PDB file of N, CA and C in Angstrom:
ATOM      1  N   UNK A   1       1.018  22.418  10.711  1.00  0.00           N
ATOM      2  CA  UNK A   1      -0.258  21.831  10.347  1.00  0.00           C
ATOM      3  C   UNK A   1      -1.294  22.302  11.354  1.00  0.00           C
ATOM      4  N   UNK A   2      -2.448  22.722  10.877  1.00  0.00           N
ATOM      5  CA  UNK A   2      -3.454  23.315  11.755  1.00  0.00           C
ATOM      6  C   UNK A   2      -4.382  22.303  12.391  1.00  0.00           C
ATOM      7  N   UNK A   3      -4.602  21.176  11.766  1.00  0.00           N
ATOM      8  CA  UNK A   3      -5.515  20.183  12.304  1.00  0.00           C
ATOM      9  C   UNK A   3      -4.806  19.415  13.430  1.00  0.00           C
ATOM     10  N   UNK A   4      -5.368  19.484  14.624  1.00  0.00           N
ATOM     11  CA  UNK A   4      -4.717  18.873  15.787  1.00  0.00           C
ATOM     12  C   UNK A   4      -4.543  17.366  15.644  1.00  0.00           C
ATOM     13  N   UNK A   5      -5.564  16.694  15.167  1.00  0.00           N
ATOM     14  CA  UNK A   5      -5.492  15.241  15.041  1.00  0.00           C
ATOM     15  C   UNK A   5      -4.413  14.836  14.045  1.00  0.00           C
ATOM     16  N   UNK A   6      -4.368  15.506  12.918  1.00  0.00           N
ATOM     17  CA  UNK A   6      -3.345  15.183  11.919  1.00  0.00           C
ATOM     18  C   UNK A   6      -1.950  15.537  12.430  1.00  0.00           C
ATOM     19  N   UNK A   7      -1.846  16.632  13.161  1.00  0.00           N
ATOM     20  CA  UNK A   7      -0.553  17.004  13.746  1.00  0.00           C
ATOM     21  C   UNK A   7      -0.072  15.929  14.720  1.00  0.00           C
ATOM     22  N   UNK A   8      -0.988  15.432  15.516  1.00  0.00           N
ATOM     23  CA  UNK A   8      -0.643  14.377  16.473  1.00  0.00           C
ATOM     24  C   UNK A   8      -0.171  13.122  15.744  1.00  0.00           C
ATOM     25  N   UNK A   9      -0.896  12.742  14.712  1.00  0.00           N
ATOM     26  CA  UNK A   9      -0.525  11.545  13.954  1.00  0.00           C
ATOM     27  C   UNK A   9       0.817  11.723  13.254  1.00  0.00           C
ATOM     28  N   UNK A  10       1.053  12.907  12.717  1.00  0.00           N
ATOM     29  CA  UNK A  10       2.320  13.169  12.041  1.00  0.00           C
ATOM     30  C   UNK A  10       3.489  13.144  13.024  1.00  0.00           C
ATOM     31  N   UNK A  11       3.282  13.671  14.216  1.00  0.00           N
ATOM     32  CA  UNK A  11       4.318  13.606  15.249  1.00  0.00           C
ATOM     33  C   UNK A  11       4.617  12.162  15.625  1.00  0.00           C
ATOM     34  N   UNK A  12       3.592  11.351  15.691  1.00  0.00           N
ATOM     35  CA  UNK A  12       3.763   9.927  16.003  1.00  0.00           C
ATOM     36  C   UNK A  12       4.597   9.236  14.925  1.00  0.00           C
ATOM     37  N   UNK A  13       4.309   9.530  13.671  1.00  0.00           N
ATOM     38  CA  UNK A  13       5.075   8.938  12.571  1.00  0.00           C
ATOM     39  C   UNK A  13       6.527   9.396  12.630  1.00  0.00           C
ATOM     40  N   UNK A  14       6.751  10.682  12.876  1.00  0.00           N
ATOM     41  CA  UNK A  14       8.118  11.203  12.979  1.00  0.00           C
ATOM     42  C   UNK A  14       8.871  10.516  14.118  1.00  0.00           C
ATOM     43  N   UNK A  15       8.189  10.302  15.227  1.00  0.00           N
ATOM     44  CA  UNK A  15       8.800   9.610  16.366  1.00  0.00           C
ATOM     45  C   UNK A  15       9.175   8.176  15.970  1.00  0.00           C
ATOM     46  N   UNK A  16       8.275   7.481  15.314  1.00  0.00           N
ATOM     47  CA  UNK A  16       8.546   6.102  14.904  1.00  0.00           C
ATOM     48  C   UNK A  16       9.716   6.029  13.921  1.00  0.00           C
ATOM     49  N   UNK A  17       9.762   6.967  13.003  1.00  0.00           N
ATOM     50  CA  UNK A  17      10.882   6.996  12.055  1.00  0.00           C
ATOM     51  C   UNK A  17      12.193   7.246  12.793  1.00  0.00           C
ATOM     52  N   UNK A  18      12.172   8.166  13.738  1.00  0.00           N
ATOM     53  CA  UNK A  18      13.403   8.458  14.486  1.00  0.00           C
ATOM     54  C   UNK A  18      13.853   7.246  15.300  1.00  0.00           C
ATOM     55  N   UNK A  19      12.906   6.492  15.823  1.00  0.00           N
ATOM     56  CA  UNK A  19      13.254   5.301  16.612  1.00  0.00           C
ATOM     57  C   UNK A  19      13.772   4.165  15.729  1.00  0.00           C
ATOM     58  N   UNK A  20      13.427   4.186  14.446  1.00  0.00           N
ATOM     59  CA  UNK A  20      13.877   3.108  13.573  1.00  0.00           C
ATOM     60  C   UNK A  20      15.391   3.083  13.443  1.00  0.00           C
ATOM     61  N   UNK A  21      16.031   4.213  13.654  1.00  0.00           N
ATOM     62  CA  UNK A  21      17.489   4.272  13.617  1.00  0.00           C
ATOM     63  C   UNK A  21      18.146   3.506  14.747  1.00  0.00           C
ATOM     64  N   UNK A  22      17.395   3.208  15.783  1.00  0.00           N
ATOM     65  CA  UNK A  22      17.934   2.471  16.921  1.00  0.00           C
ATOM     66  C   UNK A  22      17.869   0.960  16.747  1.00  0.00           C
ATOM     67  N   UNK A  23      17.188   0.517  15.693  1.00  0.00           N
ATOM     68  CA  UNK A  23      17.065  -0.925  15.462  1.00  0.00           C
ATOM     69  C   UNK A  23      18.388  -1.489  14.965  1.00  0.00           C
ATOM     70  N   UNK A  24      18.662  -2.679  15.387  1.00  0.00           N
ATOM     71  CA  UNK A  24      19.875  -3.345  14.923  1.00  0.00           C
ATOM     72  C   UNK A  24      19.623  -3.943  13.549  1.00  0.00           C
ATOM     73  N   UNK A  25      20.472  -3.597  12.607  1.00  0.00           N
ATOM     74  CA  UNK A  25      20.315  -4.086  11.238  1.00  0.00           C
ATOM     75  C   UNK A  25      20.431  -5.595  11.160  1.00  0.00           C
ATOM     76  N   UNK A  26      21.075  -6.200  12.140  1.00  0.00           N
ATOM     77  CA  UNK A  26      21.244  -7.656  12.126  1.00  0.00           C
ATOM     78  C   UNK A  26      19.942  -8.392  12.454  1.00  0.00           C
ATOM     79  N   UNK A  27      19.011  -7.705  13.085  1.00  0.00           N
ATOM     80  CA  UNK A  27      17.734  -8.321  13.425  1.00  0.00           C
ATOM     81  C   UNK A  27      16.724  -8.005  12.316  1.00  0.00           C
ATOM     82  N   UNK A  28      16.851  -8.716  11.213  1.00  0.00           N
ATOM     83  CA  UNK A  28      16.035  -8.433  10.034  1.00  0.00           C
ATOM     84  C   UNK A  28      14.547  -8.615  10.279  1.00  0.00           C
ATOM     85  N   UNK A  29      14.176  -9.558  11.113  1.00  0.00           N
ATOM     86  CA  UNK A  29      12.758  -9.786  11.370  1.00  0.00           C
ATOM     87  C   UNK A  29      12.139  -8.576  12.078  1.00  0.00           C
ATOM     88  N   UNK A  30      12.848  -8.051  13.064  1.00  0.00           N
ATOM     89  CA  UNK A  30      12.357  -6.871  13.780  1.00  0.00           C
ATOM     90  C   UNK A  30      12.283  -5.662  12.838  1.00  0.00           C
ATOM     91  N   UNK A  31      13.301  -5.472  12.021  1.00  0.00           N
ATOM     92  CA  UNK A  31      13.310  -4.363  11.066  1.00  0.00           C
ATOM     93  C   UNK A  31      12.142  -4.501  10.095  1.00  0.00           C
ATOM     94  N   UNK A  32      11.873  -5.722   9.651  1.00  0.00           N
ATOM     95  CA  UNK A  32      10.765  -5.973   8.735  1.00  0.00           C
ATOM     96  C   UNK A  32       9.427  -5.636   9.379  1.00  0.00           C
ATOM     97  N   UNK A  33       9.222  -6.061  10.617  1.00  0.00           N
ATOM     98  CA  UNK A  33       7.971  -5.751  11.318  1.00  0.00           C
ATOM     99  C   UNK A  33       7.823  -4.246  11.541  1.00  0.00           C
ATOM    100  N   UNK A  34       8.924  -3.597  11.867  1.00  0.00           N
ATOM    101  CA  UNK A  34       8.905  -2.155  12.089  1.00  0.00           C
ATOM    102  C   UNK A  34       8.507  -1.432  10.797  1.00  0.00           C
ATOM    103  N   UNK A  35       9.072  -1.861   9.666  1.00  0.00           N
ATOM    104  CA  UNK A  35       8.751  -1.246   8.372  1.00  0.00           C
ATOM    105  C   UNK A  35       7.277  -1.453   8.030  1.00  0.00           C
ATOM    106  N   UNK A  36       6.761  -2.626   8.313  1.00  0.00           N
ATOM    107  CA  UNK A  36       5.343  -2.892   8.049  1.00  0.00           C
ATOM    108  C   UNK A  36       4.464  -1.992   8.906  1.00  0.00           C
ATOM    109  N   UNK A  37       4.831  -1.861  10.172  1.00  0.00           N
ATOM    110  CA  UNK A  37       4.063  -1.013  11.081  1.00  0.00           C
ATOM    111  C   UNK A  37       4.075   0.440  10.596  1.00  0.00           C
ATOM    112  N   UNK A  38       5.239   0.921  10.184  1.00  0.00           N
ATOM    113  CA  UNK A  38       5.341   2.285   9.667  1.00  0.00           C
ATOM    114  C   UNK A  38       4.504   2.463   8.405  1.00  0.00           C
ATOM    115  N   UNK A  39       4.515   1.478   7.544  1.00  0.00           N
ATOM    116  CA  UNK A  39       3.739   1.546   6.309  1.00  0.00           C
ATOM    117  C   UNK A  39       2.248   1.644   6.609  1.00  0.00           C
ATOM    118  N   UNK A  40       1.758   0.797   7.493  1.00  0.00           N
ATOM    119  CA  UNK A  40       0.339   0.814   7.854  1.00  0.00           C
ATOM    120  C   UNK A  40      -0.025   2.138   8.540  1.00  0.00           C
ATOM    121  N   UNK A  41       0.858   2.631   9.381  1.00  0.00           N
ATOM    122  CA  UNK A  41       0.627   3.898  10.073  1.00  0.00           C
ATOM    123  C   UNK A  41       0.576   5.064   9.090  1.00  0.00           C
ATOM    124  N   UNK A  42       1.501   5.089   8.137  1.00  0.00           N
ATOM    125  CA  UNK A  42       1.518   6.154   7.128  1.00  0.00           C
ATOM    126  C   UNK A  42       0.278   6.088   6.236  1.00  0.00           C
ATOM    127  N   UNK A  43      -0.128   4.898   5.856  1.00  0.00           N
ATOM    128  CA  UNK A  43      -1.326   4.743   5.023  1.00  0.00           C
ATOM    129  C   UNK A  43      -2.560   5.248   5.776  1.00  0.00           C
ATOM    130  N   UNK A  44      -2.651   4.923   7.048  1.00  0.00           N
ATOM    131  CA  UNK A  44      -3.762   5.414   7.858  1.00  0.00           C
ATOM    132  C   UNK A  44      -3.757   6.929   7.953  1.00  0.00           C
ATOM    133  N   UNK A  45      -2.572   7.500   8.079  1.00  0.00           N
ATOM    134  CA  UNK A  45      -2.462   8.956   8.127  1.00  0.00           C
ATOM    135  C   UNK A  45      -2.978   9.576   6.829  1.00  0.00           C
ATOM    136  N   UNK A  46      -2.605   9.003   5.700  1.00  0.00           N
ATOM    137  CA  UNK A  46      -3.064   9.536   4.410  1.00  0.00           C
ATOM    138  C   UNK A  46      -4.583   9.481   4.296  1.00  0.00           C
ATOM    139  N   UNK A  47      -5.174   8.365   4.691  1.00  0.00           N
ATOM    140  CA  UNK A  47      -6.639   8.247   4.664  1.00  0.00           C
ATOM    141  C   UNK A  47      -7.284   9.263   5.609  1.00  0.00           C
ATOM    142  N   UNK A  48      -6.738   9.385   6.798  1.00  0.00           N
ATOM    143  CA  UNK A  48      -7.288  10.326   7.770  1.00  0.00           C
ATOM    144  C   UNK A  48      -7.150  11.765   7.290  1.00  0.00           C
ATOM    145  N   UNK A  49      -6.035  12.078   6.641  1.00  0.00           N
ATOM    146  CA  UNK A  49      -5.823  13.435   6.137  1.00  0.00           C
ATOM    147  C   UNK A  49      -6.893  13.795   5.113  1.00  0.00           C
ATOM    148  N   UNK A  50      -7.216  12.849   4.266  1.00  0.00           N
ATOM    149  CA  UNK A  50      -8.252  13.067   3.262  1.00  0.00           C
ATOM    150  C   UNK A  50      -9.569  13.447   3.930  1.00  0.00           C
ATOM    151  N   UNK A  51      -9.960  12.675   4.922  1.00  0.00           N
ATOM    152  CA  UNK A  51     -11.224  12.938   5.621  1.00  0.00           C
ATOM    153  C   UNK A  51     -11.179  14.235   6.425  1.00  0.00           C
ATOM    154  N   UNK A  52     -10.103  14.410   7.172  1.00  0.00           N
ATOM    155  CA  UNK A  52     -10.005  15.564   8.061  1.00  0.00           C
ATOM    156  C   UNK A  52      -9.963  16.885   7.294  1.00  0.00           C
ATOM    157  N   UNK A  53      -9.146  16.959   6.273  1.00  0.00           N
ATOM    158  CA  UNK A  53      -8.962  18.223   5.560  1.00  0.00           C
ATOM    159  C   UNK A  53     -10.220  18.625   4.798  1.00  0.00           C
ATOM    160  N   UNK A  54     -10.741  17.699   4.006  1.00  0.00           N
ATOM    161  CA  UNK A  54     -11.926  18.049   3.213  1.00  0.00           C
ATOM    162  C   UNK A  54     -13.185  18.107   4.085  1.00  0.00           C
ATOM    163  N   UNK A  55     -13.256  17.265   5.089  1.00  0.00           N
ATOM    164  CA  UNK A  55     -14.396  17.315   5.995  1.00  0.00           C
ATOM    165  C   UNK A  55     -14.429  18.611   6.778  1.00  0.00           C
ATOM    166  N   UNK A  56     -13.270  19.040   7.241  1.00  0.00           N
ATOM    167  CA  UNK A  56     -13.187  20.304   7.972  1.00  0.00           C
ATOM    168  C   UNK A  56     -13.559  21.480   7.062  1.00  0.00           C
ATOM    169  N   UNK A  57     -13.106  21.420   5.830  1.00  0.00           N
ATOM    170  CA  UNK A  57     -13.474  22.469   4.878  1.00  0.00           C
ATOM    171  C   UNK A  57     -14.994  22.524   4.702  1.00  0.00           C
ATOM    172  N   UNK A  58     -15.604  21.370   4.519  1.00  0.00           N
ATOM    173  CA  UNK A  58     -17.061  21.327   4.342  1.00  0.00           C
ATOM    174  C   UNK A  58     -17.776  21.837   5.588  1.00  0.00           C
ATOM    175  N   UNK A  59     -17.293  21.443   6.752  1.00  0.00           N
ATOM    176  CA  UNK A  59     -17.926  21.881   7.998  1.00  0.00           C
ATOM    177  C   UNK A  59     -17.845  23.395   8.167  1.00  0.00           C
ATOM    178  N   UNK A  60     -16.727  23.993   7.722  1.00  0.00           N
ATOM    179  CA  UNK A  60     -16.536  25.437   7.895  1.00  0.00           C
ATOM    180  C   UNK A  60     -17.170  26.281   6.792  1.00  0.00           C
ATOM    181  N   UNK A  61     -17.506  25.668   5.660  1.00  0.00           N
ATOM    182  CA  UNK A  61     -17.977  26.498   4.557  1.00  0.00           C
ATOM    183  C   UNK A  61     -19.332  26.092   3.981  1.00  0.00           C
ATOM    184  N   UNK A  62     -19.933  25.061   4.535  1.00  0.00           N
ATOM    185  CA  UNK A  62     -21.213  24.609   3.972  1.00  0.00           C
ATOM    186  C   UNK A  62     -22.246  24.433   5.075  1.00  0.00           C
ATOM    187  N   UNK A  63     -23.472  24.294   4.652  1.00  0.00           N
ATOM    188  CA  UNK A  63     -24.576  24.010   5.559  1.00  0.00           C
ATOM    189  C   UNK A  63     -24.313  22.679   6.271  1.00  0.00           C
ATOM    190  N   UNK A  64     -24.859  22.503   7.431  1.00  0.00           N
ATOM    191  CA  UNK A  64     -24.647  21.295   8.223  1.00  0.00           C
ATOM    192  C   UNK A  64     -25.008  20.032   7.461  1.00  0.00           C
ATOM    193  N   UNK A  65     -26.112  20.049   6.745  1.00  0.00           N
ATOM    194  CA  UNK A  65     -26.519  18.850   6.012  1.00  0.00           C
ATOM    195  C   UNK A  65     -25.543  18.533   4.870  1.00  0.00           C
ATOM    196  N   UNK A  66     -25.022  19.551   4.233  1.00  0.00           N
ATOM    197  CA  UNK A  66     -24.032  19.341   3.165  1.00  0.00           C
ATOM    198  C   UNK A  66     -22.738  18.800   3.760  1.00  0.00           C
ATOM    199  N   UNK A  67     -22.305  19.372   4.864  1.00  0.00           N
ATOM    200  CA  UNK A  67     -21.088  18.899   5.527  1.00  0.00           C
ATOM    201  C   UNK A  67     -21.246  17.441   5.958  1.00  0.00           C
ATOM    202  N   UNK A  68     -22.405  17.081   6.480  1.00  0.00           N
ATOM    203  CA  UNK A  68     -22.660  15.703   6.886  1.00  0.00           C
ATOM    204  C   UNK A  68     -22.564  14.764   5.683  1.00  0.00           C
ATOM    205  N   UNK A  69     -23.121  15.192   4.553  1.00  0.00           N
ATOM    206  CA  UNK A  69     -23.048  14.402   3.332  1.00  0.00           C
ATOM    207  C   UNK A  69     -21.590  14.225   2.892  1.00  0.00           C
ATOM    208  N   UNK A  70     -20.822  15.293   2.933  1.00  0.00           N
ATOM    209  CA  UNK A  70     -19.404  15.223   2.537  1.00  0.00           C
ATOM    210  C   UNK A  70     -18.661  14.247   3.435  1.00  0.00           C
ATOM    211  N   UNK A  71     -18.867  14.347   4.744  1.00  0.00           N
ATOM    212  CA  UNK A  71     -18.214  13.427   5.681  1.00  0.00           C
ATOM    213  C   UNK A  71     -18.573  11.974   5.364  1.00  0.00           C
ATOM    214  N   UNK A  72     -19.840  11.715   5.108  1.00  0.00           N
ATOM    215  CA  UNK A  72     -20.264  10.336   4.812  1.00  0.00           C
ATOM    216  C   UNK A  72     -19.629   9.832   3.526  1.00  0.00           C
ATOM    217  N   UNK A  73     -19.529  10.687   2.532  1.00  0.00           N
ATOM    218  CA  UNK A  73     -18.876  10.288   1.281  1.00  0.00           C
ATOM    219  C   UNK A  73     -17.388  10.030   1.498  1.00  0.00           C
ATOM    220  N   UNK A  74     -16.748  10.870   2.284  1.00  0.00           N
ATOM    221  CA  UNK A  74     -15.326  10.694   2.562  1.00  0.00           C
ATOM    222  C   UNK A  74     -15.068   9.433   3.386  1.00  0.00           C
ATOM    223  N   UNK A  75     -15.994   9.090   4.270  1.00  0.00           N
ATOM    224  CA  UNK A  75     -15.839   7.883   5.085  1.00  0.00           C
ATOM    225  C   UNK A  75     -15.883   6.609   4.249  1.00  0.00           C
ATOM    226  N   UNK A  76     -16.475   6.688   3.082  1.00  0.00           N
ATOM    227  CA  UNK A  76     -16.596   5.509   2.217  1.00  0.00           C
ATOM    228  C   UNK A  76     -15.306   5.216   1.456  1.00  0.00           C
ATOM    229  N   UNK A  77     -14.379   6.151   1.452  1.00  0.00           N
ATOM    230  CA  UNK A  77     -13.147   5.994   0.685  1.00  0.00           C
ATOM    231  C   UNK A  77     -12.153   5.164   1.484  1.00  0.00           C
ATOM    232  N   UNK A  78     -11.702   4.085   0.882  1.00  0.00           N
ATOM    233  CA  UNK A  78     -10.709   3.218   1.520  1.00  0.00           C
ATOM    234  C   UNK A  78      -9.566   2.968   0.545  1.00  0.00           C
ATOM    235  N   UNK A  79      -8.377   2.900   1.065  1.00  0.00           N
ATOM    236  CA  UNK A  79      -7.182   2.623   0.280  1.00  0.00           C
ATOM    237  C   UNK A  79      -7.036   3.538  -0.937  1.00  0.00           C
ATOM    238  N   UNK A  80      -7.111   4.840  -0.728  1.00  0.00           N
ATOM    239  CA  UNK A  80      -7.022   5.742  -1.880  1.00  0.00           C
ATOM    240  C   UNK A  80      -5.606   5.782  -2.458  1.00  0.00           C
ATOM    241  N   UNK A  81      -5.526   5.691  -3.771  1.00  0.00           N
ATOM    242  CA  UNK A  81      -4.236   5.898  -4.413  1.00  0.00           C
ATOM    243  C   UNK A  81      -4.125   7.375  -4.776  1.00  0.00           C
ATOM    244  N   UNK A  82      -3.037   7.744  -5.381  1.00  0.00           N
ATOM    245  CA  UNK A  82      -2.820   9.152  -5.701  1.00  0.00           C
ATOM    246  C   UNK A  82      -3.909   9.685  -6.617  1.00  0.00           C
ATOM    247  N   UNK A  83      -4.330   8.883  -7.572  1.00  0.00           N
ATOM    248  CA  UNK A  83      -5.368   9.341  -8.492  1.00  0.00           C
ATOM    249  C   UNK A  83      -6.656   9.670  -7.748  1.00  0.00           C
ATOM    250  N   UNK A  84      -6.984   8.906  -6.729  1.00  0.00           N
ATOM    251  CA  UNK A  84      -8.192   9.177  -5.935  1.00  0.00           C
ATOM    252  C   UNK A  84      -8.044  10.500  -5.179  1.00  0.00           C
ATOM    253  N   UNK A  85      -6.850  10.755  -4.636  1.00  0.00           N
ATOM    254  CA  UNK A  85      -6.599  12.035  -3.978  1.00  0.00           C
ATOM    255  C   UNK A  85      -6.792  13.184  -4.964  1.00  0.00           C
ATOM    256  N   UNK A  86      -6.280  13.008  -6.170  1.00  0.00           N
ATOM    257  CA  UNK A  86      -6.417  14.042  -7.197  1.00  0.00           C
ATOM    258  C   UNK A  86      -7.878  14.236  -7.593  1.00  0.00           C
ATOM    259  N   UNK A  87      -8.588  13.136  -7.796  1.00  0.00           N
ATOM    260  CA  UNK A  87     -10.002  13.225  -8.177  1.00  0.00           C
ATOM    261  C   UNK A  87     -10.799  14.019  -7.146  1.00  0.00           C
ATOM    262  N   UNK A  88     -10.552  13.735  -5.886  1.00  0.00           N
ATOM    263  CA  UNK A  88     -11.292  14.427  -4.824  1.00  0.00           C
ATOM    264  C   UNK A  88     -10.920  15.906  -4.786  1.00  0.00           C
ATOM    265  N   UNK A  89      -9.641  16.210  -4.918  1.00  0.00           N
ATOM    266  CA  UNK A  89      -9.211  17.615  -4.924  1.00  0.00           C
ATOM    267  C   UNK A  89      -9.876  18.368  -6.067  1.00  0.00           C
ATOM    268  N   UNK A  90      -9.890  17.775  -7.254  1.00  0.00           N
ATOM    269  CA  UNK A  90     -10.534  18.420  -8.410  1.00  0.00           C
ATOM    270  C   UNK A  90     -12.037  18.583  -8.197  1.00  0.00           C
ATOM    271  N   UNK A  91     -12.674  17.636  -7.496  1.00  0.00           N
ATOM    272  CA  UNK A  91     -14.105  17.757  -7.245  1.00  0.00           C
ATOM    273  C   UNK A  91     -14.421  18.954  -6.360  1.00  0.00           C
ATOM    274  N   UNK A  92     -13.507  19.272  -5.455  1.00  0.00           N
ATOM    275  CA  UNK A  92     -13.721  20.433  -4.594  1.00  0.00           C
ATOM    276  C   UNK A  92     -13.379  21.733  -5.318  1.00  0.00           C
ATOM    277  N   UNK A  93     -12.245  21.736  -6.035  1.00  0.00           N
ATOM    278  CA  UNK A  93     -11.807  22.972  -6.684  1.00  0.00           C
ATOM    279  C   UNK A  93     -10.736  22.618  -7.725  1.00  0.00           C
ATOM    280  N   UNK A  94     -10.910  23.117  -8.944  1.00  0.00           N
ATOM    281  CA  UNK A  94      -9.934  22.818 -10.000  1.00  0.00           C
ATOM    282  C   UNK A  94      -8.521  23.273  -9.638  1.00  0.00           C
ATOM    283  N   UNK A  95      -8.422  24.425  -8.980  1.00  0.00           N
ATOM    284  CA  UNK A  95      -7.101  24.912  -8.576  1.00  0.00           C
ATOM    285  C   UNK A  95      -6.457  23.980  -7.559  1.00  0.00           C
ATOM    286  N   UNK A  96      -7.258  23.447  -6.635  1.00  0.00           N
ATOM    287  CA  UNK A  96      -6.723  22.502  -5.656  1.00  0.00           C
ATOM    288  C   UNK A  96      -6.191  21.261  -6.365  1.00  0.00           C
ATOM    289  N   UNK A  97      -6.949  20.796  -7.343  1.00  0.00           N
ATOM    290  CA  UNK A  97      -6.528  19.620  -8.087  1.00  0.00           C
ATOM    291  C   UNK A  97      -5.219  19.856  -8.813  1.00  0.00           C
ATOM    292  N   UNK A  98      -5.111  21.008  -9.482  1.00  0.00           N
ATOM    293  CA  UNK A  98      -3.867  21.326 -10.198  1.00  0.00           C
ATOM    294  C   UNK A  98      -2.698  21.466  -9.234  1.00  0.00           C
ATOM    295  N   UNK A  99      -2.942  22.129  -8.093  1.00  0.00           N
ATOM    296  CA  UNK A  99      -1.871  22.298  -7.103  1.00  0.00           C
ATOM    297  C   UNK A  99      -1.414  20.950  -6.549  1.00  0.00           C
ATOM    298  N   UNK A 100      -2.368  20.095  -6.245  1.00  0.00           N
ATOM    299  CA  UNK A 100      -2.011  18.768  -5.721  1.00  0.00           C
ATOM    300  C   UNK A 100      -1.290  17.946  -6.785  1.00  0.00           C
ATOM    301  N   UNK A 101      -1.744  18.054  -8.018  1.00  0.00           N
ATOM    302  CA  UNK A 101      -1.104  17.322  -9.101  1.00  0.00           C
ATOM    303  C   UNK A 101       0.360  17.757  -9.254  1.00  0.00           C
ATOM    304  N   UNK A 102       0.614  19.051  -9.160  1.00  0.00           N
ATOM    305  CA  UNK A 102       1.989  19.556  -9.236  1.00  0.00           C
ATOM    306  C   UNK A 102       2.808  19.078  -8.040  1.00  0.00           C
ATOM    307  N   UNK A 103       2.178  19.046  -6.862  1.00  0.00           N
ATOM    308  CA  UNK A 103       2.876  18.612  -5.652  1.00  0.00           C
ATOM    309  C   UNK A 103       3.281  17.147  -5.736  1.00  0.00           C
ATOM    310  N   UNK A 104       2.374  16.280  -6.155  1.00  0.00           N
ATOM    311  CA  UNK A 104       2.696  14.845  -6.179  1.00  0.00           C
ATOM    312  C   UNK A 104       3.621  14.486  -7.333  1.00  0.00           C
ATOM    313  N   UNK A 105       3.687  15.327  -8.359  1.00  0.00           N
ATOM    314  CA  UNK A 105       4.594  15.057  -9.475  1.00  0.00           C
ATOM    315  C   UNK A 105       6.041  15.317  -9.071  1.00  0.00           C
ATOM    316  N   UNK A 106       6.233  16.196  -8.126  1.00  0.00           N
ATOM    317  CA  UNK A 106       7.569  16.560  -7.674  1.00  0.00           C
ATOM    318  C   UNK A 106       8.157  15.485  -6.774  1.00  0.00           C
ATOM    319  N   UNK A 107       9.395  15.122  -6.999  1.00  0.00           N
ATOM    320  CA  UNK A 107      10.148  14.200  -6.155  1.00  0.00           C
ATOM    321  C   UNK A 107       9.481  12.829  -5.992  1.00  0.00           C
ATOM    322  N   UNK A 108       8.806  12.366  -6.991  1.00  0.00           N
ATOM    323  CA  UNK A 108       8.215  11.020  -7.000  1.00  0.00           C
ATOM    324  C   UNK A 108       7.223  10.783  -5.865  1.00  0.00           C
ATOM    325  N   UNK A 109       6.532  11.807  -5.442  1.00  0.00           N
ATOM    326  CA  UNK A 109       5.560  11.645  -4.354  1.00  0.00           C
ATOM    327  C   UNK A 109       4.419  10.717  -4.754  1.00  0.00           C
ATOM    328  N   UNK A 110       3.995  10.796  -6.013  1.00  0.00           N
ATOM    329  CA  UNK A 110       2.925   9.920  -6.489  1.00  0.00           C
ATOM    330  C   UNK A 110       3.310   8.464  -6.301  1.00  0.00           C
ATOM    331  N   UNK A 111       4.488   8.130  -6.704  1.00  0.00           N
ATOM    332  CA  UNK A 111       4.970   6.759  -6.570  1.00  0.00           C
ATOM    333  C   UNK A 111       5.037   6.342  -5.102  1.00  0.00           C
ATOM    334  N   UNK A 112       5.491   7.241  -4.253  1.00  0.00           N
ATOM    335  CA  UNK A 112       5.602   6.932  -2.825  1.00  0.00           C
ATOM    336  C   UNK A 112       4.230   6.663  -2.214  1.00  0.00           C
ATOM    337  N   UNK A 113       3.255   7.518  -2.528  1.00  0.00           N
ATOM    338  CA  UNK A 113       1.904   7.343  -1.981  1.00  0.00           C
ATOM    339  C   UNK A 113       1.307   6.027  -2.471  1.00  0.00           C
ATOM    340  N   UNK A 114       1.405   5.787  -3.770  1.00  0.00           N
ATOM    341  CA  UNK A 114       0.832   4.561  -4.326  1.00  0.00           C
ATOM    342  C   UNK A 114       1.503   3.316  -3.760  1.00  0.00           C
ATOM    343  N   UNK A 115       2.802   3.387  -3.533  1.00  0.00           N
ATOM    344  CA  UNK A 115       3.523   2.241  -2.963  1.00  0.00           C
ATOM    345  C   UNK A 115       3.110   1.998  -1.522  1.00  0.00           C
ATOM    346  N   UNK A 116       2.975   3.045  -0.750  1.00  0.00           N
ATOM    347  CA  UNK A 116       2.542   2.897   0.644  1.00  0.00           C
ATOM    348  C   UNK A 116       1.168   2.237   0.695  1.00  0.00           C
ATOM    349  N   UNK A 117       0.243   2.721  -0.125  1.00  0.00           N
ATOM    350  CA  UNK A 117      -1.109   2.171  -0.096  1.00  0.00           C
ATOM    351  C   UNK A 117      -1.133   0.733  -0.588  1.00  0.00           C
ATOM    352  N   UNK A 118      -0.384   0.420  -1.630  1.00  0.00           N
ATOM    353  CA  UNK A 118      -0.335  -0.948  -2.154  1.00  0.00           C
ATOM    354  C   UNK A 118       0.297  -1.897  -1.141  1.00  0.00           C
ATOM    355  N   UNK A 119       1.382  -1.444  -0.519  1.00  0.00           N
ATOM    356  CA  UNK A 119       2.047  -2.310   0.478  1.00  0.00           C
ATOM    357  C   UNK A 119       1.168  -2.520   1.686  1.00  0.00           C
ATOM    358  N   UNK A 120       0.417  -1.510   2.091  1.00  0.00           N
ATOM    359  CA  UNK A 120      -0.492  -1.679   3.227  1.00  0.00           C
ATOM    360  C   UNK A 120      -1.498  -2.786   2.934  1.00  0.00           C
ATOM    361  N   UNK A 121      -1.995  -2.824   1.708  1.00  0.00           N
ATOM    362  CA  UNK A 121      -2.942  -3.880   1.343  1.00  0.00           C
ATOM    363  C   UNK A 121      -2.286  -5.255   1.391  1.00  0.00           C
ATOM    364  N   UNK A 122      -1.038  -5.334   0.970  1.00  0.00           N
ATOM    365  CA  UNK A 122      -0.329  -6.622   1.029  1.00  0.00           C
ATOM    366  C   UNK A 122      -0.059  -7.039   2.477  1.00  0.00           C
ATOM    367  N   UNK A 123       0.245  -6.070   3.321  1.00  0.00           N
ATOM    368  CA  UNK A 123       0.531  -6.356   4.737  1.00  0.00           C
ATOM    369  C   UNK A 123      -0.733  -6.839   5.435  1.00  0.00           C
ATOM    370  N   UNK A 124      -1.838  -6.182   5.143  1.00  0.00           N
ATOM    371  CA  UNK A 124      -3.099  -6.539   5.783  1.00  0.00           C
ATOM    372  C   UNK A 124      -3.562  -7.890   5.258  1.00  0.00           C
TER     373      UNK A 124
END
């Protein structure tokens, strides 16, 4: 991954997942809190990825005022489900939208993203 901030966040999530194996299954309350924390962390990563990737694209390929507008629009997006990710990809480029649609259709990724975002709302 080329974006440093997203790479850092992804490494943090990988670390947390690896540490979850050390939890004792008998301590259900701790396991439950850990799962909630991971869910909120993953949801935040997804939101940040949306802003970072498309914002960086706008900054590198558009006038400063256009990039600023794109960033402000992206900052307004909260709790995006898979359809919102697809809508934004299609708004930037039809090929991006089709590629993302194919990606999320594979291996139930759409369901996973939507579940993470829905559970984050329930946790909060």
